[in-house]
Protein backbone atom coordinates (compact mmCIF):
# COMPACT_ATOMS: atom_id res chain seq x y z
CA MET A 1 10.80 -6.12 -45.36
CA SER A 2 7.10 -6.95 -45.61
CA PHE A 3 4.32 -4.56 -44.68
CA ILE A 4 3.33 -6.62 -41.62
CA LYS A 5 6.88 -6.77 -40.23
CA ARG A 6 7.12 -2.96 -40.43
CA LEU A 7 4.09 -2.62 -38.16
CA ASN A 8 4.52 -2.11 -34.43
CA VAL A 9 3.34 -4.81 -32.05
CA VAL A 10 0.01 -3.09 -31.38
CA ASP A 11 -0.96 -2.93 -35.05
CA ARG A 12 0.28 -6.47 -35.69
CA LEU A 13 -1.76 -7.87 -32.81
CA GLN A 14 -4.78 -5.90 -33.93
CA ILE A 15 -4.66 -7.55 -37.34
CA ILE A 16 -4.62 -10.96 -35.64
CA LEU A 17 -7.42 -10.06 -33.25
CA ASP A 18 -9.60 -8.70 -36.04
CA LYS A 19 -9.99 -12.26 -37.24
CA TRP A 20 -11.27 -13.31 -33.83
CA ASN A 21 -13.80 -10.49 -33.71
CA ILE A 22 -15.67 -12.44 -36.34
CA PRO A 23 -17.06 -15.09 -33.95
CA GLN A 24 -15.18 -18.37 -34.36
CA ARG A 25 -16.91 -21.68 -33.83
CA TYR A 26 -14.94 -24.78 -32.82
CA PRO A 27 -16.78 -28.10 -32.94
CA LEU A 28 -13.51 -29.99 -32.34
CA SER A 29 -13.83 -29.68 -28.57
CA SER A 30 -15.10 -27.06 -26.20
CA TRP A 31 -11.62 -25.65 -25.45
CA ALA A 32 -9.83 -26.09 -28.77
CA GLY A 33 -10.64 -22.55 -29.91
CA ILE A 34 -9.39 -20.93 -26.71
CA GLU A 35 -6.15 -22.95 -26.78
CA ASP A 36 -5.63 -22.02 -30.43
CA PHE A 37 -6.30 -18.35 -29.67
CA HIS A 38 -3.74 -18.31 -26.87
CA LEU A 39 -1.19 -20.00 -29.13
CA ARG A 40 -1.57 -17.39 -31.87
CA ILE A 41 -1.06 -14.57 -29.37
CA ALA A 42 2.02 -16.28 -27.90
CA LEU A 43 3.45 -16.77 -31.40
CA ALA A 44 2.81 -13.17 -32.45
CA THR A 45 4.98 -11.34 -29.93
CA ASP A 46 8.05 -11.87 -27.76
CA LEU A 47 6.65 -9.63 -25.02
CA PRO A 48 6.27 -11.32 -21.61
CA LEU A 49 2.72 -12.56 -21.16
CA ALA A 50 0.69 -12.67 -17.96
CA ILE A 51 -2.87 -13.11 -16.78
CA GLU A 52 -4.65 -11.50 -13.87
CA SER A 53 -4.64 -13.50 -10.65
CA ASN A 54 -8.44 -13.71 -10.95
CA PRO A 55 -8.51 -13.82 -14.73
CA SER A 56 -12.14 -14.58 -15.47
CA TYR A 57 -15.66 -14.80 -14.22
CA SER A 58 -18.88 -16.34 -15.47
CA TYR A 59 -21.71 -14.16 -16.65
CA PRO A 60 -25.13 -14.82 -18.17
CA SER A 61 -25.08 -13.98 -21.86
CA SER A 62 -27.97 -12.24 -23.58
CA ASN A 63 -29.33 -15.48 -25.01
CA GLY A 64 -29.15 -17.34 -21.71
CA ASN A 65 -25.99 -19.32 -22.52
CA SER A 66 -23.05 -19.35 -20.13
CA GLY A 67 -20.20 -16.97 -20.89
CA ILE A 68 -16.78 -15.99 -19.54
CA THR A 69 -14.33 -13.12 -19.78
CA TRP A 70 -10.60 -12.99 -19.05
CA ARG A 71 -7.71 -10.58 -19.60
CA LEU A 72 -4.27 -11.22 -21.05
CA VAL A 73 -1.55 -8.72 -20.20
CA LEU A 74 1.46 -8.16 -22.46
CA ILE A 75 4.14 -6.56 -20.33
CA GLY A 76 6.39 -4.03 -22.05
CA PRO A 77 7.36 -0.33 -22.00
CA LYS A 78 3.72 0.33 -22.94
CA PRO A 79 1.62 -2.51 -21.48
CA LEU A 80 -1.18 -4.00 -23.55
CA ILE A 81 -4.35 -5.73 -22.45
CA ILE A 82 -6.36 -8.17 -24.54
CA ASN A 83 -9.90 -8.40 -23.21
CA CYS A 84 -11.38 -11.78 -24.16
CA TYR A 85 -15.04 -12.69 -24.29
CA ALA A 86 -16.39 -16.18 -24.92
CA THR A 87 -19.85 -17.73 -25.01
CA PHE A 88 -20.26 -21.47 -24.56
CA TYR A 89 -23.23 -23.34 -25.99
CA ASP A 90 -23.77 -26.88 -27.27
CA ASP A 91 -20.05 -27.79 -26.99
CA LEU A 92 -19.05 -24.74 -29.06
CA TRP A 93 -17.19 -21.57 -28.14
CA THR A 94 -17.90 -18.26 -29.79
CA LEU A 95 -14.87 -16.06 -29.07
CA THR A 96 -14.22 -12.34 -29.58
CA SER A 97 -11.46 -10.05 -28.28
CA ALA A 98 -10.47 -6.41 -27.95
CA LEU A 99 -7.05 -4.76 -27.54
CA SER A 100 -6.45 -1.78 -25.26
CA GLN A 101 -3.53 0.23 -23.83
CA PRO A 102 -4.04 0.97 -20.11
CA LEU A 103 -2.43 3.92 -18.40
CA SER A 104 -0.92 1.58 -15.79
CA ILE A 105 -0.86 -2.05 -14.69
CA ASN A 106 -1.16 -3.35 -11.13
CA HIS A 107 1.64 -5.93 -11.21
CA THR A 108 0.60 -7.38 -7.85
CA LYS A 109 -2.48 -8.86 -9.55
CA LEU A 110 -0.57 -10.57 -12.34
CA LEU A 111 0.45 -14.20 -12.73
CA PRO A 112 3.49 -14.07 -15.04
CA LEU A 113 3.98 -16.95 -17.46
CA ASN A 114 7.71 -17.56 -17.31
CA ASN A 115 7.96 -20.02 -20.21
CA GLN A 116 9.62 -18.45 -23.25
CA ASP A 117 8.50 -21.21 -25.61
CA PRO A 118 5.27 -20.04 -27.31
CA TRP A 119 3.46 -23.38 -27.08
CA LEU A 120 4.36 -23.90 -23.42
CA LYS A 121 3.29 -20.33 -22.70
CA SER A 122 -0.06 -20.82 -24.42
CA MET A 123 -0.67 -24.13 -22.64
CA THR A 124 0.15 -22.65 -19.23
CA LEU A 125 -2.33 -19.88 -19.92
CA THR A 126 -5.06 -22.25 -21.11
CA LEU A 127 -4.67 -24.52 -18.09
CA ALA A 128 -4.74 -21.54 -15.72
CA LEU A 129 -7.98 -20.41 -17.30
CA ALA A 130 -9.46 -23.92 -17.27
CA SER A 131 -8.62 -24.25 -13.57
CA ALA A 132 -10.38 -20.98 -12.79
CA LEU A 133 -13.60 -22.06 -14.48
CA ASP A 134 -16.19 -24.76 -14.21
CA VAL A 135 -17.44 -24.57 -17.80
CA GLU A 136 -16.85 -27.97 -19.38
CA SER A 137 -13.14 -27.61 -18.58
CA GLY A 138 -12.36 -31.04 -17.16
CA GLU A 139 -11.46 -32.55 -20.53
CA ALA A 140 -9.33 -29.51 -21.41
CA LYS A 141 -7.34 -29.78 -18.18
CA ALA A 142 -6.82 -33.54 -18.53
CA SER A 143 -5.72 -33.24 -22.17
CA GLY A 144 -3.41 -30.29 -21.53
CA GLU A 145 -1.80 -31.82 -18.46
CA ALA A 146 -1.21 -35.12 -20.27
CA ARG A 147 0.48 -33.41 -23.22
CA LEU A 148 2.63 -31.23 -20.97
CA GLU A 149 3.72 -34.27 -18.95
CA LEU A 150 4.94 -35.98 -22.13
CA TYR A 151 6.49 -32.84 -23.60
CA PRO A 152 10.04 -33.19 -22.13
CA GLN A 153 10.28 -36.77 -23.43
CA ILE A 154 9.08 -35.77 -26.89
CA LEU A 155 11.47 -32.84 -26.96
CA GLU A 156 14.32 -35.23 -26.22
CA VAL A 157 13.26 -37.37 -29.20
CA VAL A 158 13.29 -34.22 -31.36
CA LYS A 159 16.84 -33.44 -30.28
CA GLN A 160 18.00 -37.00 -31.01
CA GLU A 161 16.39 -37.07 -34.45
CA GLU A 162 17.66 -33.59 -35.27
CA ILE A 163 21.22 -34.87 -34.82
CA LYS A 164 20.52 -37.63 -37.37
CA VAL A 165 18.97 -35.23 -39.90
CA ASN A 166 21.86 -32.78 -39.51
CA ALA A 167 24.30 -35.63 -40.12
CA ALA A 168 22.35 -36.55 -43.26
CA LEU A 169 22.59 -32.93 -44.45
CA VAL A 170 26.37 -33.10 -44.11
CA LYS A 171 26.54 -36.38 -46.04
CA ALA A 172 24.35 -34.93 -48.79
CA ASP A 173 26.46 -31.72 -48.87
CA ILE A 174 23.40 -29.55 -48.21
CA LYS A 175 24.21 -26.30 -46.46
CA LYS A 176 20.63 -25.45 -45.55
CA GLY A 177 19.93 -26.60 -42.00
CA MET A 178 17.33 -26.51 -39.26
CA PRO A 179 15.48 -23.27 -38.50
CA LYS A 180 17.18 -21.38 -35.69
CA ASN A 181 13.93 -20.78 -33.85
CA SER A 182 11.07 -23.28 -33.69
CA THR A 183 8.46 -24.57 -31.28
CA LEU A 184 7.09 -28.09 -30.87
CA ILE A 185 3.28 -28.21 -30.69
CA ILE A 186 1.18 -31.20 -29.66
CA ASN A 187 -2.46 -30.90 -30.66
CA ASP A 188 -5.03 -32.52 -32.92
CA TRP A 189 -6.45 -29.67 -35.01
CA LEU A 190 -3.49 -27.96 -36.66
CA THR A 191 -2.71 -31.09 -38.65
CA PRO A 192 -4.97 -31.92 -41.64
CA LYS A 193 -7.26 -34.93 -41.22
CA ASP A 194 -5.01 -37.17 -43.33
CA LYS A 195 -1.76 -36.08 -41.60
CA ILE A 196 -0.12 -37.01 -38.32
CA GLY A 197 2.54 -34.27 -38.39
CA LEU A 198 3.07 -30.85 -39.91
CA TYR A 199 5.88 -28.34 -40.44
CA ARG A 200 5.33 -24.63 -41.06
CA LYS A 201 8.06 -22.02 -41.36
CA ALA A 202 8.01 -18.69 -39.52
CA ASN A 203 6.04 -15.90 -41.16
CA ASP A 204 4.80 -12.36 -40.53
CA PHE A 205 2.37 -13.50 -37.84
CA ARG A 206 4.55 -15.93 -35.94
CA SER A 207 8.10 -15.41 -34.77
CA CYS A 208 9.19 -19.05 -35.07
CA ALA A 209 8.68 -22.18 -37.14
CA LEU A 210 6.14 -24.80 -36.06
CA ILE A 211 6.61 -28.55 -35.74
CA VAL A 212 3.16 -29.96 -35.01
CA ILE A 213 2.60 -33.52 -33.81
CA ASN A 214 -0.87 -35.07 -33.56
CA SER A 215 -1.43 -36.85 -30.25
CA LYS A 216 -2.21 -40.05 -32.19
CA ALA A 217 1.55 -40.40 -32.68
CA LEU A 218 2.28 -40.49 -28.95
CA GLY A 219 1.25 -44.07 -28.26
CA ASN A 220 4.24 -45.72 -29.93
CA ARG A 221 7.76 -44.37 -29.42
CA ASP A 222 9.20 -45.83 -32.65
CA TYR A 223 6.31 -44.42 -34.68
CA LEU A 224 6.74 -41.04 -32.96
CA ARG A 225 10.42 -41.00 -33.94
CA GLN A 226 9.52 -41.59 -37.58
CA VAL A 227 6.90 -38.82 -37.57
CA ILE A 228 9.29 -36.35 -35.96
CA LYS A 229 12.12 -37.26 -38.33
CA HIS A 230 9.80 -36.77 -41.32
CA GLU A 231 8.87 -33.25 -40.18
CA LEU A 232 12.48 -32.37 -39.35
CA ILE A 233 13.50 -33.23 -42.92
CA HIS A 234 10.84 -30.82 -44.14
CA ALA A 235 12.19 -28.23 -41.72
CA ALA A 236 15.75 -28.70 -42.98
CA LEU A 237 14.78 -28.33 -46.63
CA THR A 238 12.33 -25.46 -46.35
CA ARG A 239 13.57 -22.26 -47.90
CA GLU A 240 12.17 -19.15 -49.54
CA GLY A 241 10.38 -20.02 -52.77
CA TYR A 242 11.29 -23.71 -52.57
CA GLN A 243 8.39 -26.16 -52.27
CA HIS A 244 10.17 -29.50 -52.04
CA GLY A 245 7.32 -31.80 -51.02
CA HIS A 246 8.57 -35.39 -51.02
CA ASP A 247 10.88 -35.02 -54.00
CA LYS A 248 14.21 -36.68 -54.70
CA LEU A 249 16.07 -34.48 -52.24
CA PHE A 250 13.62 -35.35 -49.49
CA GLN A 251 13.96 -39.04 -50.33
CA LYS A 252 17.75 -38.77 -50.24
CA LEU A 253 17.74 -37.22 -46.76
CA ALA A 254 15.13 -39.73 -45.63
CA GLU A 255 17.40 -42.60 -46.61
CA LEU A 256 20.53 -41.03 -45.10
CA SER A 257 18.80 -40.23 -41.81
CA GLY A 258 17.14 -43.64 -41.44
CA LEU A 259 13.52 -42.70 -42.11
CA GLU A 260 11.67 -45.91 -42.88
CA GLU A 261 10.33 -46.16 -46.42
CA GLN A 262 6.68 -46.35 -45.38
CA TYR A 263 6.97 -42.89 -43.78
CA ARG A 264 8.54 -41.10 -46.74
CA LYS A 265 5.31 -39.73 -48.28
């Protein structure tokens, strides 16, 4: 077992938050950093997550820029609070955070996030925060709501294509299959600039594998199917110490599962 996995949830979260205490700048969009931050917290722990019913307020920062604070609550035998601080200036967020263990939590002030899926949980949180603020949040709300509206349809495509890839695994006599626990993510910054999809296996800092789809793939259903199938083949072949890329085994599964040739690299 790795060093990180032996740590308790407090220490593991603290390692993640330490990164964010070095101010992060996100030129991608004004809310990309906050959405990404929420996603990393949701991926890091299985504890139920909530926000306060009045989660944030605006305050004047020392340099005159607008700023906000909000509190995430991780509900468990020993509740945890993540105090979040963000400054907004010139379409950039600078975000820091601090972890604390309160003596008690007033549950009447909490808005529980009932979604168990990490990406859905992080999106619910981000939209709740965007709705509570008037700090360049209109684009964030529109983007998040649009992706969430399409999510059930995309998830259905994933299930359909997973059946095809599993059938291809049987034909190829490959025992390795899909990861037991994964989350589908729709955003435009986790994928490299030259990629439309991405697969990443679970690791010490996230409890599940990630299948990431860039929103550019959402405009055409046939194209979306090909992108999803491509990433599912990666998911099926990923194993400890095995970097398969787009090798012969990948090409074999691509052919057996019906992945068009132009999408095999």
